[in-house]
Amino acid sequence: MLISPAYAQAAGAADPTGGIMGLLPIVLMFVVLWFLMIRPQMKRAKEHKSMVEALAKGDEVVTQGGVAGRIVKVSDNFITVELAPNVEVAVQRQAVSTVLPKGTLKAL
C-alpha cells in the first residue's frame, strides 16, 4: 500500500524537573508584573491617600477635572474650593489630584 502502518512507541521516562520547569516561566512573569505594574500603582495610591488626608484650609489644589482653586472649608468627605472671589464649589476629597505650592494662584 501507499501508507505505511504507524506503531506506538514506548513512553519515555518522566523528567523529574519537568513540572517545576514548566511553572518557572509563569512565576517569572508574575514577578516581573509585580515589580513593573502592581507595586508602583500601590505606591502611587498610598501617596495619593496621604495627600488627601493632609488637605487643609488655605491649600491650593487642582482637581481631576482640571479645576484649580483654594480650599476654604474641609469636611470628612467633601472640601469647598474657591475658584474666584465669591465662587465656591463642593468637591469630593478623592477628586483632588495635586496640591500646588503656596502662592501659585495669585488671582484669588
PDB file of N, CA and C in Angstrom:
ATOM      1  N   MET A   1       0.808  -1.172   0.000  1.00  0.00           N
ATOM      2  CA  MET A   1       0.000   0.000   0.000  1.00  0.00           C
ATOM      3  C   MET A   1       0.868   1.259   0.000  1.00  0.00           C
ATOM      4  N   LEU A   2       0.205   2.399  -0.102  1.00  0.00           N
ATOM      5  CA  LEU A   2       0.925   3.656  -0.169  1.00  0.00           C
ATOM      6  C   LEU A   2       1.268   4.227   1.205  1.00  0.00           C
ATOM      7  N   ILE A   3       0.471   3.904   2.193  1.00  0.00           N
ATOM      8  CA  ILE A   3       0.686   4.440   3.528  1.00  0.00           C
ATOM      9  C   ILE A   3       1.190   3.322   4.419  1.00  0.00           C
ATOM     10  N   SER A   4       2.313   3.586   5.094  1.00  0.00           N
ATOM     11  CA  SER A   4       2.854   2.550   5.970  1.00  0.00           C
ATOM     12  C   SER A   4       2.135   2.609   7.317  1.00  0.00           C
ATOM     13  N   PRO A   5       1.946   1.499   7.981  1.00  0.00           N
ATOM     14  CA  PRO A   5       1.246   1.494   9.277  1.00  0.00           C
ATOM     15  C   PRO A   5       2.107   2.169  10.357  1.00  0.00           C
ATOM     16  N   ALA A   6       1.432   2.878  11.298  1.00  0.00           N
ATOM     17  CA  ALA A   6       2.117   3.553  12.398  1.00  0.00           C
ATOM     18  C   ALA A   6       2.048   2.665  13.628  1.00  0.00           C
ATOM     19  N   TYR A   7       3.158   2.566  14.323  1.00  0.00           N
ATOM     20  CA  TYR A   7       3.217   1.755  15.518  1.00  0.00           C
ATOM     21  C   TYR A   7       3.454   2.660  16.718  1.00  0.00           C
ATOM     22  N   ALA A   8       2.842   2.334  17.835  1.00  0.00           N
ATOM     23  CA  ALA A   8       3.011   3.128  19.055  1.00  0.00           C
ATOM     24  C   ALA A   8       4.412   2.924  19.598  1.00  0.00           C
ATOM     25  N   GLN A   9       4.974   4.027  20.080  1.00  0.00           N
ATOM     26  CA  GLN A   9       6.295   3.937  20.667  1.00  0.00           C
ATOM     27  C   GLN A   9       6.158   3.814  22.172  1.00  0.00           C
ATOM     28  N   ALA A  10       7.142   3.266  22.780  1.00  0.00           N
ATOM     29  CA  ALA A  10       7.143   3.129  24.233  1.00  0.00           C
ATOM     30  C   ALA A  10       7.327   4.524  24.855  1.00  0.00           C
ATOM     31  N   ALA A  11       6.578   4.799  25.928  1.00  0.00           N
ATOM     32  CA  ALA A  11       6.671   6.094  26.596  1.00  0.00           C
ATOM     33  C   ALA A  11       8.012   6.206  27.291  1.00  0.00           C
ATOM     34  N   GLY A  12       8.654   7.406  27.151  1.00  0.00           N
ATOM     35  CA  GLY A  12       9.940   7.614  27.797  1.00  0.00           C
ATOM     36  C   GLY A  12       9.741   7.860  29.284  1.00  0.00           C
ATOM     37  N   ALA A  13      10.816   7.814  30.017  1.00  0.00           N
ATOM     38  CA  ALA A  13      10.760   8.048  31.453  1.00  0.00           C
ATOM     39  C   ALA A  13      10.412   9.520  31.705  1.00  0.00           C
ATOM     40  N   ALA A  14       9.585   9.769  32.700  1.00  0.00           N
ATOM     41  CA  ALA A  14       9.161  11.136  33.028  1.00  0.00           C
ATOM     42  C   ALA A  14      10.335  11.907  33.619  1.00  0.00           C
ATOM     43  N   ASP A  15      10.477  13.163  33.181  1.00  0.00           N
ATOM     44  CA  ASP A  15      11.554  14.018  33.689  1.00  0.00           C
ATOM     45  C   ASP A  15      11.153  14.545  35.066  1.00  0.00           C
ATOM     46  N   PRO A  16      11.947  14.317  36.111  1.00  0.00           N
ATOM     47  CA  PRO A  16      11.551  14.757  37.460  1.00  0.00           C
ATOM     48  C   PRO A  16      11.481  16.285  37.602  1.00  0.00           C
ATOM     49  N   THR A  17      12.203  17.040  36.793  1.00  0.00           N
ATOM     50  CA  THR A  17      12.146  18.506  36.895  1.00  0.00           C
ATOM     51  C   THR A  17      11.162  19.114  35.908  1.00  0.00           C
ATOM     52  N   GLY A  18      10.480  18.314  35.141  1.00  0.00           N
ATOM     53  CA  GLY A  18       9.566  18.821  34.111  1.00  0.00           C
ATOM     54  C   GLY A  18       8.434  19.669  34.677  1.00  0.00           C
ATOM     55  N   GLY A  19       7.846  19.282  35.794  1.00  0.00           N
ATOM     56  CA  GLY A  19       6.742  20.033  36.379  1.00  0.00           C
ATOM     57  C   GLY A  19       7.187  21.379  36.932  1.00  0.00           C
ATOM     58  N   ILE A  20       8.322  21.385  37.598  1.00  0.00           N
ATOM     59  CA  ILE A  20       8.844  22.628  38.178  1.00  0.00           C
ATOM     60  C   ILE A  20       9.303  23.568  37.077  1.00  0.00           C
ATOM     61  N   MET A  21       9.980  23.047  36.085  1.00  0.00           N
ATOM     62  CA  MET A  21      10.476  23.880  34.989  1.00  0.00           C
ATOM     63  C   MET A  21       9.325  24.416  34.143  1.00  0.00           C
ATOM     64  N   GLY A  22       8.214  23.726  34.129  1.00  0.00           N
ATOM     65  CA  GLY A  22       7.040  24.207  33.398  1.00  0.00           C
ATOM     66  C   GLY A  22       6.391  25.392  34.089  1.00  0.00           C
ATOM     67  N   LEU A  23       6.470  25.445  35.414  1.00  0.00           N
ATOM     68  CA  LEU A  23       5.885  26.552  36.179  1.00  0.00           C
ATOM     69  C   LEU A  23       6.803  27.766  36.280  1.00  0.00           C
ATOM     70  N   LEU A  24       8.069  27.578  36.030  1.00  0.00           N
ATOM     71  CA  LEU A  24       9.038  28.660  36.168  1.00  0.00           C
ATOM     72  C   LEU A  24       8.715  29.888  35.300  1.00  0.00           C
ATOM     73  N   PRO A  25       8.361  29.745  34.024  1.00  0.00           N
ATOM     74  CA  PRO A  25       8.025  30.944  33.240  1.00  0.00           C
ATOM     75  C   PRO A  25       6.810  31.700  33.786  1.00  0.00           C
ATOM     76  N   ILE A  26       5.824  31.001  34.302  1.00  0.00           N
ATOM     77  CA  ILE A  26       4.637  31.649  34.854  1.00  0.00           C
ATOM     78  C   ILE A  26       5.004  32.430  36.112  1.00  0.00           C
ATOM     79  N   VAL A  27       5.790  31.837  36.974  1.00  0.00           N
ATOM     80  CA  VAL A  27       6.237  32.515  38.194  1.00  0.00           C
ATOM     81  C   VAL A  27       7.093  33.723  37.842  1.00  0.00           C
ATOM     82  N   LEU A  28       7.979  33.582  36.883  1.00  0.00           N
ATOM     83  CA  LEU A  28       8.828  34.684  36.449  1.00  0.00           C
ATOM     84  C   LEU A  28       8.006  35.830  35.873  1.00  0.00           C
ATOM     85  N   MET A  29       6.978  35.517  35.086  1.00  0.00           N
ATOM     86  CA  MET A  29       6.108  36.570  34.535  1.00  0.00           C
ATOM     87  C   MET A  29       5.359  37.292  35.647  1.00  0.00           C
ATOM     88  N   PHE A  30       4.908  36.586  36.669  1.00  0.00           N
ATOM     89  CA  PHE A  30       4.209  37.217  37.780  1.00  0.00           C
ATOM     90  C   PHE A  30       5.137  38.148  38.549  1.00  0.00           C
ATOM     91  N   VAL A  31       6.385  37.743  38.764  1.00  0.00           N
ATOM     92  CA  VAL A  31       7.351  38.587  39.476  1.00  0.00           C
ATOM     93  C   VAL A  31       7.621  39.865  38.681  1.00  0.00           C
ATOM     94  N   VAL A  32       7.803  39.754  37.387  1.00  0.00           N
ATOM     95  CA  VAL A  32       8.026  40.935  36.547  1.00  0.00           C
ATOM     96  C   VAL A  32       6.798  41.834  36.577  1.00  0.00           C
ATOM     97  N   LEU A  33       5.603  41.255  36.462  1.00  0.00           N
ATOM     98  CA  LEU A  33       4.362  42.032  36.522  1.00  0.00           C
ATOM     99  C   LEU A  33       4.253  42.761  37.846  1.00  0.00           C
ATOM    100  N   TRP A  34       4.614  42.126  38.933  1.00  0.00           N
ATOM    101  CA  TRP A  34       4.542  42.730  40.260  1.00  0.00           C
ATOM    102  C   TRP A  34       5.426  43.977  40.350  1.00  0.00           C
ATOM    103  N   PHE A  35       6.679  43.856  39.896  1.00  0.00           N
ATOM    104  CA  PHE A  35       7.615  44.970  40.032  1.00  0.00           C
ATOM    105  C   PHE A  35       7.385  46.079  39.013  1.00  0.00           C
ATOM    106  N   LEU A  36       6.823  45.777  37.866  1.00  0.00           N
ATOM    107  CA  LEU A  36       6.634  46.801  36.844  1.00  0.00           C
ATOM    108  C   LEU A  36       5.272  47.471  36.879  1.00  0.00           C
ATOM    109  N   MET A  37       4.239  46.780  37.383  1.00  0.00           N
ATOM    110  CA  MET A  37       2.894  47.349  37.330  1.00  0.00           C
ATOM    111  C   MET A  37       2.218  47.468  38.694  1.00  0.00           C
ATOM    112  N   ILE A  38       2.148  46.409  39.431  1.00  0.00           N
ATOM    113  CA  ILE A  38       1.352  46.393  40.659  1.00  0.00           C
ATOM    114  C   ILE A  38       2.003  47.221  41.759  1.00  0.00           C
ATOM    115  N   ARG A  39       3.281  47.033  41.991  1.00  0.00           N
ATOM    116  CA  ARG A  39       3.973  47.742  43.078  1.00  0.00           C
ATOM    117  C   ARG A  39       3.975  49.261  42.885  1.00  0.00           C
ATOM    118  N   PRO A  40       4.300  49.803  41.697  1.00  0.00           N
ATOM    119  CA  PRO A  40       4.239  51.259  41.524  1.00  0.00           C
ATOM    120  C   PRO A  40       2.828  51.824  41.669  1.00  0.00           C
ATOM    121  N   GLN A  41       1.824  51.066  41.222  1.00  0.00           N
ATOM    122  CA  GLN A  41       0.449  51.528  41.360  1.00  0.00           C
ATOM    123  C   GLN A  41       0.044  51.590  42.829  1.00  0.00           C
ATOM    124  N   MET A  42       0.448  50.610  43.629  1.00  0.00           N
ATOM    125  CA  MET A  42       0.135  50.628  45.057  1.00  0.00           C
ATOM    126  C   MET A  42       0.847  51.798  45.741  1.00  0.00           C
ATOM    127  N   LYS A  43       2.083  52.077  45.343  1.00  0.00           N
ATOM    128  CA  LYS A  43       2.832  53.188  45.918  1.00  0.00           C
ATOM    129  C   LYS A  43       2.160  54.514  45.592  1.00  0.00           C
ATOM    130  N   ARG A  44       1.723  54.684  44.338  1.00  0.00           N
ATOM    131  CA  ARG A  44       1.040  55.906  43.929  1.00  0.00           C
ATOM    132  C   ARG A  44      -0.276  56.083  44.685  1.00  0.00           C
ATOM    133  N   ALA A  45      -1.024  55.007  44.876  1.00  0.00           N
ATOM    134  CA  ALA A  45      -2.285  55.073  45.614  1.00  0.00           C
ATOM    135  C   ALA A  45      -2.045  55.457  47.074  1.00  0.00           C
ATOM    136  N   LYS A  46      -0.990  54.942  47.663  1.00  0.00           N
ATOM    137  CA  LYS A  46      -0.652  55.273  49.056  1.00  0.00           C
ATOM    138  C   LYS A  46      -0.280  56.741  49.185  1.00  0.00           C
ATOM    139  N   GLU A  47       0.503  57.266  48.231  1.00  0.00           N
ATOM    140  CA  GLU A  47       0.870  58.678  48.251  1.00  0.00           C
ATOM    141  C   GLU A  47      -0.349  59.571  48.080  1.00  0.00           C
ATOM    142  N   HIS A  48      -1.283  59.193  47.190  1.00  0.00           N
ATOM    143  CA  HIS A  48      -2.500  59.986  46.972  1.00  0.00           C
ATOM    144  C   HIS A  48      -3.360  59.997  48.227  1.00  0.00           C
ATOM    145  N   LYS A  49      -3.459  58.853  48.884  1.00  0.00           N
ATOM    146  CA  LYS A  49      -4.264  58.770  50.106  1.00  0.00           C
ATOM    147  C   LYS A  49      -3.693  59.672  51.196  1.00  0.00           C
ATOM    148  N   SER A  50      -2.384  59.663  51.367  1.00  0.00           N
ATOM    149  CA  SER A  50      -1.788  60.519  52.399  1.00  0.00           C
ATOM    150  C   SER A  50      -1.929  61.989  52.035  1.00  0.00           C
ATOM    151  N   MET A  51      -1.866  62.335  50.738  1.00  0.00           N
ATOM    152  CA  MET A  51      -2.056  63.710  50.303  1.00  0.00           C
ATOM    153  C   MET A  51      -3.483  64.179  50.570  1.00  0.00           C
ATOM    154  N   VAL A  52      -4.460  63.326  50.297  1.00  0.00           N
ATOM    155  CA  VAL A  52      -5.864  63.679  50.519  1.00  0.00           C
ATOM    156  C   VAL A  52      -6.151  63.853  52.008  1.00  0.00           C
ATOM    157  N   GLU A  53      -5.549  63.006  52.851  1.00  0.00           N
ATOM    158  CA  GLU A  53      -5.759  63.119  54.297  1.00  0.00           C
ATOM    159  C   GLU A  53      -5.132  64.392  54.861  1.00  0.00           C
ATOM    160  N   ALA A  54      -4.097  64.907  54.201  1.00  0.00           N
ATOM    161  CA  ALA A  54      -3.393  66.084  54.708  1.00  0.00           C
ATOM    162  C   ALA A  54      -3.958  67.399  54.178  1.00  0.00           C
ATOM    163  N   LEU A  55      -5.041  67.363  53.410  1.00  0.00           N
ATOM    164  CA  LEU A  55      -5.620  68.606  52.886  1.00  0.00           C
ATOM    165  C   LEU A  55      -6.085  69.498  54.035  1.00  0.00           C
ATOM    166  N   ALA A  56      -5.816  70.797  53.920  1.00  0.00           N
ATOM    167  CA  ALA A  56      -6.191  71.745  54.966  1.00  0.00           C
ATOM    168  C   ALA A  56      -6.691  73.031  54.323  1.00  0.00           C
ATOM    169  N   LYS A  57      -7.362  73.825  55.120  1.00  0.00           N
ATOM    170  CA  LYS A  57      -7.883  75.102  54.660  1.00  0.00           C
ATOM    171  C   LYS A  57      -6.712  75.987  54.211  1.00  0.00           C
ATOM    172  N   GLY A  58      -6.873  76.629  53.056  1.00  0.00           N
ATOM    173  CA  GLY A  58      -5.842  77.504  52.528  1.00  0.00           C
ATOM    174  C   GLY A  58      -4.943  76.846  51.499  1.00  0.00           C
ATOM    175  N   ASP A  59      -4.992  75.518  51.373  1.00  0.00           N
ATOM    176  CA  ASP A  59      -4.191  74.829  50.360  1.00  0.00           C
ATOM    177  C   ASP A  59      -4.730  75.146  48.968  1.00  0.00           C
ATOM    178  N   GLU A  60      -3.835  75.273  48.017  1.00  0.00           N
ATOM    179  CA  GLU A  60      -4.220  75.486  46.628  1.00  0.00           C
ATOM    180  C   GLU A  60      -4.132  74.150  45.915  1.00  0.00           C
ATOM    181  N   VAL A  61      -5.221  73.751  45.264  1.00  0.00           N
ATOM    182  CA  VAL A  61      -5.318  72.412  44.699  1.00  0.00           C
ATOM    183  C   VAL A  61      -5.794  72.459  43.251  1.00  0.00           C
ATOM    184  N   VAL A  62      -5.539  71.348  42.552  1.00  0.00           N
ATOM    185  CA  VAL A  62      -6.091  71.110  41.220  1.00  0.00           C
ATOM    186  C   VAL A  62      -6.862  69.802  41.310  1.00  0.00           C
ATOM    187  N   THR A  63      -8.109  69.798  40.826  1.00  0.00           N
ATOM    188  CA  THR A  63      -8.928  68.592  40.864  1.00  0.00           C
ATOM    189  C   THR A  63      -8.646  67.746  39.633  1.00  0.00           C
ATOM    190  N   GLN A  64      -9.189  66.541  39.611  1.00  0.00           N
ATOM    191  CA  GLN A  64      -9.007  65.653  38.471  1.00  0.00           C
ATOM    192  C   GLN A  64      -9.674  66.209  37.222  1.00  0.00           C
ATOM    193  N   GLY A  65     -10.634  67.089  37.389  1.00  0.00           N
ATOM    194  CA  GLY A  65     -11.286  67.726  36.248  1.00  0.00           C
ATOM    195  C   GLY A  65     -10.517  68.916  35.718  1.00  0.00           C
ATOM    196  N   GLY A  66      -9.432  69.295  36.377  1.00  0.00           N
ATOM    197  CA  GLY A  66      -8.611  70.401  35.911  1.00  0.00           C
ATOM    198  C   GLY A  66      -8.967  71.740  36.523  1.00  0.00           C
ATOM    199  N   VAL A  67      -9.851  71.756  37.512  1.00  0.00           N
ATOM    200  CA  VAL A  67     -10.257  72.998  38.154  1.00  0.00           C
ATOM    201  C   VAL A  67      -9.260  73.330  39.262  1.00  0.00           C
ATOM    202  N   ALA A  68      -8.736  74.564  39.226  1.00  0.00           N
ATOM    203  CA  ALA A  68      -7.772  74.995  40.239  1.00  0.00           C
ATOM    204  C   ALA A  68      -8.438  75.995  41.169  1.00  0.00           C
ATOM    205  N   GLY A  69      -8.136  75.885  42.457  1.00  0.00           N
ATOM    206  CA  GLY A  69      -8.709  76.813  43.429  1.00  0.00           C
ATOM    207  C   GLY A  69      -8.083  76.636  44.792  1.00  0.00           C
ATOM    208  N   ARG A  70      -8.581  77.424  45.738  1.00  0.00           N
ATOM    209  CA  ARG A  70      -8.084  77.412  47.111  1.00  0.00           C
ATOM    210  C   ARG A  70      -9.149  76.798  48.014  1.00  0.00           C
ATOM    211  N   ILE A  71      -8.733  75.930  48.925  1.00  0.00           N
ATOM    212  CA  ILE A  71      -9.667  75.278  49.849  1.00  0.00           C
ATOM    213  C   ILE A  71     -10.096  76.282  50.910  1.00  0.00           C
ATOM    214  N   VAL A  72     -11.430  76.405  51.087  1.00  0.00           N
ATOM    215  CA  VAL A  72     -11.948  77.309  52.115  1.00  0.00           C
ATOM    216  C   VAL A  72     -12.647  76.553  53.241  1.00  0.00           C
ATOM    217  N   LYS A  73     -13.013  75.300  52.992  1.00  0.00           N
ATOM    218  CA  LYS A  73     -13.702  74.517  54.022  1.00  0.00           C
ATOM    219  C   LYS A  73     -13.390  73.041  53.796  1.00  0.00           C
ATOM    220  N   VAL A  74     -13.122  72.323  54.890  1.00  0.00           N
ATOM    221  CA  VAL A  74     -12.786  70.899  54.812  1.00  0.00           C
ATOM    222  C   VAL A  74     -13.740  70.128  55.713  1.00  0.00           C
ATOM    223  N   SER A  75     -14.355  69.067  55.161  1.00  0.00           N
ATOM    224  CA  SER A  75     -15.170  68.165  55.977  1.00  0.00           C
ATOM    225  C   SER A  75     -14.672  66.746  55.743  1.00  0.00           C
ATOM    226  N   ASP A  76     -15.402  65.757  56.252  1.00  0.00           N
ATOM    227  CA  ASP A  76     -14.935  64.374  56.159  1.00  0.00           C
ATOM    228  C   ASP A  76     -14.791  63.890  54.722  1.00  0.00           C
ATOM    229  N   ASN A  77     -15.833  64.074  53.896  1.00  0.00           N
ATOM    230  CA  ASN A  77     -15.815  63.546  52.535  1.00  0.00           C
ATOM    231  C   ASN A  77     -15.679  64.613  51.461  1.00  0.00           C
ATOM    232  N   PHE A  78     -16.002  65.853  51.799  1.00  0.00           N
ATOM    233  CA  PHE A  78     -16.009  66.918  50.802  1.00  0.00           C
ATOM    234  C   PHE A  78     -15.141  68.085  51.248  1.00  0.00           C
ATOM    235  N   ILE A  79     -14.659  68.838  50.269  1.00  0.00           N
ATOM    236  CA  ILE A  79     -13.980  70.101  50.533  1.00  0.00           C
ATOM    237  C   ILE A  79     -14.684  71.163  49.700  1.00  0.00           C
ATOM    238  N   THR A  80     -14.617  72.401  50.147  1.00  0.00           N
ATOM    239  CA  THR A  80     -15.160  73.506  49.371  1.00  0.00           C
ATOM    240  C   THR A  80     -13.980  74.276  48.803  1.00  0.00           C
ATOM    241  N   VAL A  81     -13.993  74.430  47.487  1.00  0.00           N
ATOM    242  CA  VAL A  81     -12.894  75.076  46.783  1.00  0.00           C
ATOM    243  C   VAL A  81     -13.384  76.412  46.236  1.00  0.00           C
ATOM    244  N   GLU A  82     -12.632  77.463  46.519  1.00  0.00           N
ATOM    245  CA  GLU A  82     -12.955  78.787  45.985  1.00  0.00           C
ATOM    246  C   GLU A  82     -12.228  78.943  44.653  1.00  0.00           C
ATOM    247  N   LEU A  83     -13.007  79.091  43.566  1.00  0.00           N
ATOM    248  CA  LEU A  83     -12.442  79.207  42.232  1.00  0.00           C
ATOM    249  C   LEU A  83     -12.115  80.655  41.884  1.00  0.00           C
ATOM    250  N   ALA A  84     -12.957  81.567  42.330  1.00  0.00           N
ATOM    251  CA  ALA A  84     -12.804  83.004  42.107  1.00  0.00           C
ATOM    252  C   ALA A  84     -13.466  83.680  43.304  1.00  0.00           C
ATOM    253  N   PRO A  85     -13.299  84.970  43.468  1.00  0.00           N
ATOM    254  CA  PRO A  85     -13.970  85.626  44.596  1.00  0.00           C
ATOM    255  C   PRO A  85     -15.485  85.376  44.559  1.00  0.00           C
ATOM    256  N   ASN A  86     -16.024  84.887  45.665  1.00  0.00           N
ATOM    257  CA  ASN A  86     -17.454  84.571  45.838  1.00  0.00           C
ATOM    258  C   ASN A  86     -17.947  83.438  44.941  1.00  0.00           C
ATOM    259  N   VAL A  87     -17.055  82.590  44.435  1.00  0.00           N
ATOM    260  CA  VAL A  87     -17.445  81.414  43.651  1.00  0.00           C
ATOM    261  C   VAL A  87     -16.834  80.195  44.325  1.00  0.00           C
ATOM    262  N   GLU A  88     -17.696  79.406  44.969  1.00  0.00           N
ATOM    263  CA  GLU A  88     -17.231  78.230  45.697  1.00  0.00           C
ATOM    264  C   GLU A  88     -17.905  76.983  45.162  1.00  0.00           C
ATOM    265  N   VAL A  89     -17.152  75.890  45.125  1.00  0.00           N
ATOM    266  CA  VAL A  89     -17.643  74.621  44.604  1.00  0.00           C
ATOM    267  C   VAL A  89     -17.307  73.522  45.607  1.00  0.00           C
ATOM    268  N   ALA A  90     -18.277  72.627  45.867  1.00  0.00           N
ATOM    269  CA  ALA A  90     -18.028  71.473  46.731  1.00  0.00           C
ATOM    270  C   ALA A  90     -17.463  70.339  45.880  1.00  0.00           C
ATOM    271  N   VAL A  91     -16.369  69.750  46.345  1.00  0.00           N
ATOM    272  CA  VAL A  91     -15.675  68.702  45.602  1.00  0.00           C
ATOM    273  C   VAL A  91     -15.368  67.563  46.570  1.00  0.00           C
ATOM    274  N   GLN A  92     -15.461  66.328  46.072  1.00  0.00           N
ATOM    275  CA  GLN A  92     -15.057  65.193  46.900  1.00  0.00           C
ATOM    276  C   GLN A  92     -13.559  65.260  47.151  1.00  0.00           C
ATOM    277  N   ARG A  93     -13.148  64.846  48.330  1.00  0.00           N
ATOM    278  CA  ARG A  93     -11.727  64.890  48.678  1.00  0.00           C
ATOM    279  C   ARG A  93     -10.893  64.038  47.721  1.00  0.00           C
ATOM    280  N   GLN A  94     -11.419  62.896  47.312  1.00  0.00           N
ATOM    281  CA  GLN A  94     -10.685  61.989  46.435  1.00  0.00           C
ATOM    282  C   GLN A  94     -10.475  62.568  45.038  1.00  0.00           C
ATOM    283  N   ALA A  95     -11.244  63.613  44.668  1.00  0.00           N
ATOM    284  CA  ALA A  95     -11.128  64.211  43.342  1.00  0.00           C
ATOM    285  C   ALA A  95      -9.962  65.181  43.236  1.00  0.00           C
ATOM    286  N   VAL A  96      -9.259  65.430  44.316  1.00  0.00           N
ATOM    287  CA  VAL A  96      -8.100  66.315  44.271  1.00  0.00           C
ATOM    288  C   VAL A  96      -6.919  65.520  43.721  1.00  0.00           C
ATOM    289  N   SER A  97      -6.307  66.044  42.649  1.00  0.00           N
ATOM    290  CA  SER A  97      -5.185  65.320  42.053  1.00  0.00           C
ATOM    291  C   SER A  97      -3.835  65.888  42.475  1.00  0.00           C
ATOM    292  N   THR A  98      -3.760  67.198  42.723  1.00  0.00           N
ATOM    293  CA  THR A  98      -2.471  67.807  43.040  1.00  0.00           C
ATOM    294  C   THR A  98      -2.659  68.935  44.043  1.00  0.00           C
ATOM    295  N   VAL A  99      -1.719  69.062  44.955  1.00  0.00           N
ATOM    296  CA  VAL A  99      -1.657  70.224  45.839  1.00  0.00           C
ATOM    297  C   VAL A  99      -0.558  71.117  45.286  1.00  0.00           C
ATOM    298  N   LEU A 100      -0.928  72.365  44.972  1.00  0.00           N
ATOM    299  CA  LEU A 100       0.024  73.318  44.396  1.00  0.00           C
ATOM    300  C   LEU A 100       0.820  74.010  45.486  1.00  0.00           C
ATOM    301  N   PRO A 101       1.994  74.505  45.142  1.00  0.00           N
ATOM    302  CA  PRO A 101       2.765  75.293  46.117  1.00  0.00           C
ATOM    303  C   PRO A 101       2.009  76.584  46.472  1.00  0.00           C
ATOM    304  N   LYS A 102       2.189  77.042  47.695  1.00  0.00           N
ATOM    305  CA  LYS A 102       1.516  78.270  48.144  1.00  0.00           C
ATOM    306  C   LYS A 102       1.906  79.438  47.236  1.00  0.00           C
ATOM    307  N   GLY A 103       0.901  80.264  46.903  1.00  0.00           N
ATOM    308  CA  GLY A 103       1.147  81.433  46.086  1.00  0.00           C
ATOM    309  C   GLY A 103       1.050  81.189  44.602  1.00  0.00           C
ATOM    310  N   THR A 104       0.725  79.976  44.198  1.00  0.00           N
ATOM    311  CA  THR A 104       0.596  79.680  42.769  1.00  0.00           C
ATOM    312  C   THR A 104      -0.613  80.396  42.165  1.00  0.00           C
ATOM    313  N   LEU A 105      -1.709  80.413  42.882  1.00  0.00           N
ATOM    314  CA  LEU A 105      -2.925  81.071  42.413  1.00  0.00           C
ATOM    315  C   LEU A 105      -3.015  82.455  43.039  1.00  0.00           C
ATOM    316  N   LYS A 106      -2.418  83.429  42.432  1.00  0.00           N
ATOM    317  CA  LYS A 106      -2.394  84.770  42.996  1.00  0.00           C
ATOM    318  C   LYS A 106      -3.674  85.540  42.686  1.00  0.00           C
ATOM    319  N   ALA A 107      -4.467  85.112  41.695  1.00  0.00           N
ATOM    320  CA  ALA A 107      -5.662  85.847  41.283  1.00  0.00           C
ATOM    321  C   ALA A 107      -6.773  85.722  42.322  1.00  0.00           C
ATOM    322  N   LEU A 108      -6.738  84.701  43.156  1.00  0.00           N
ATOM    323  CA  LEU A 108      -7.834  84.526  44.137  1.00  0.00           C
ATOM    324  C   LEU A 108      -7.661  85.414  45.321  1.00  0.00           C
TER     325      LEU A 108
END
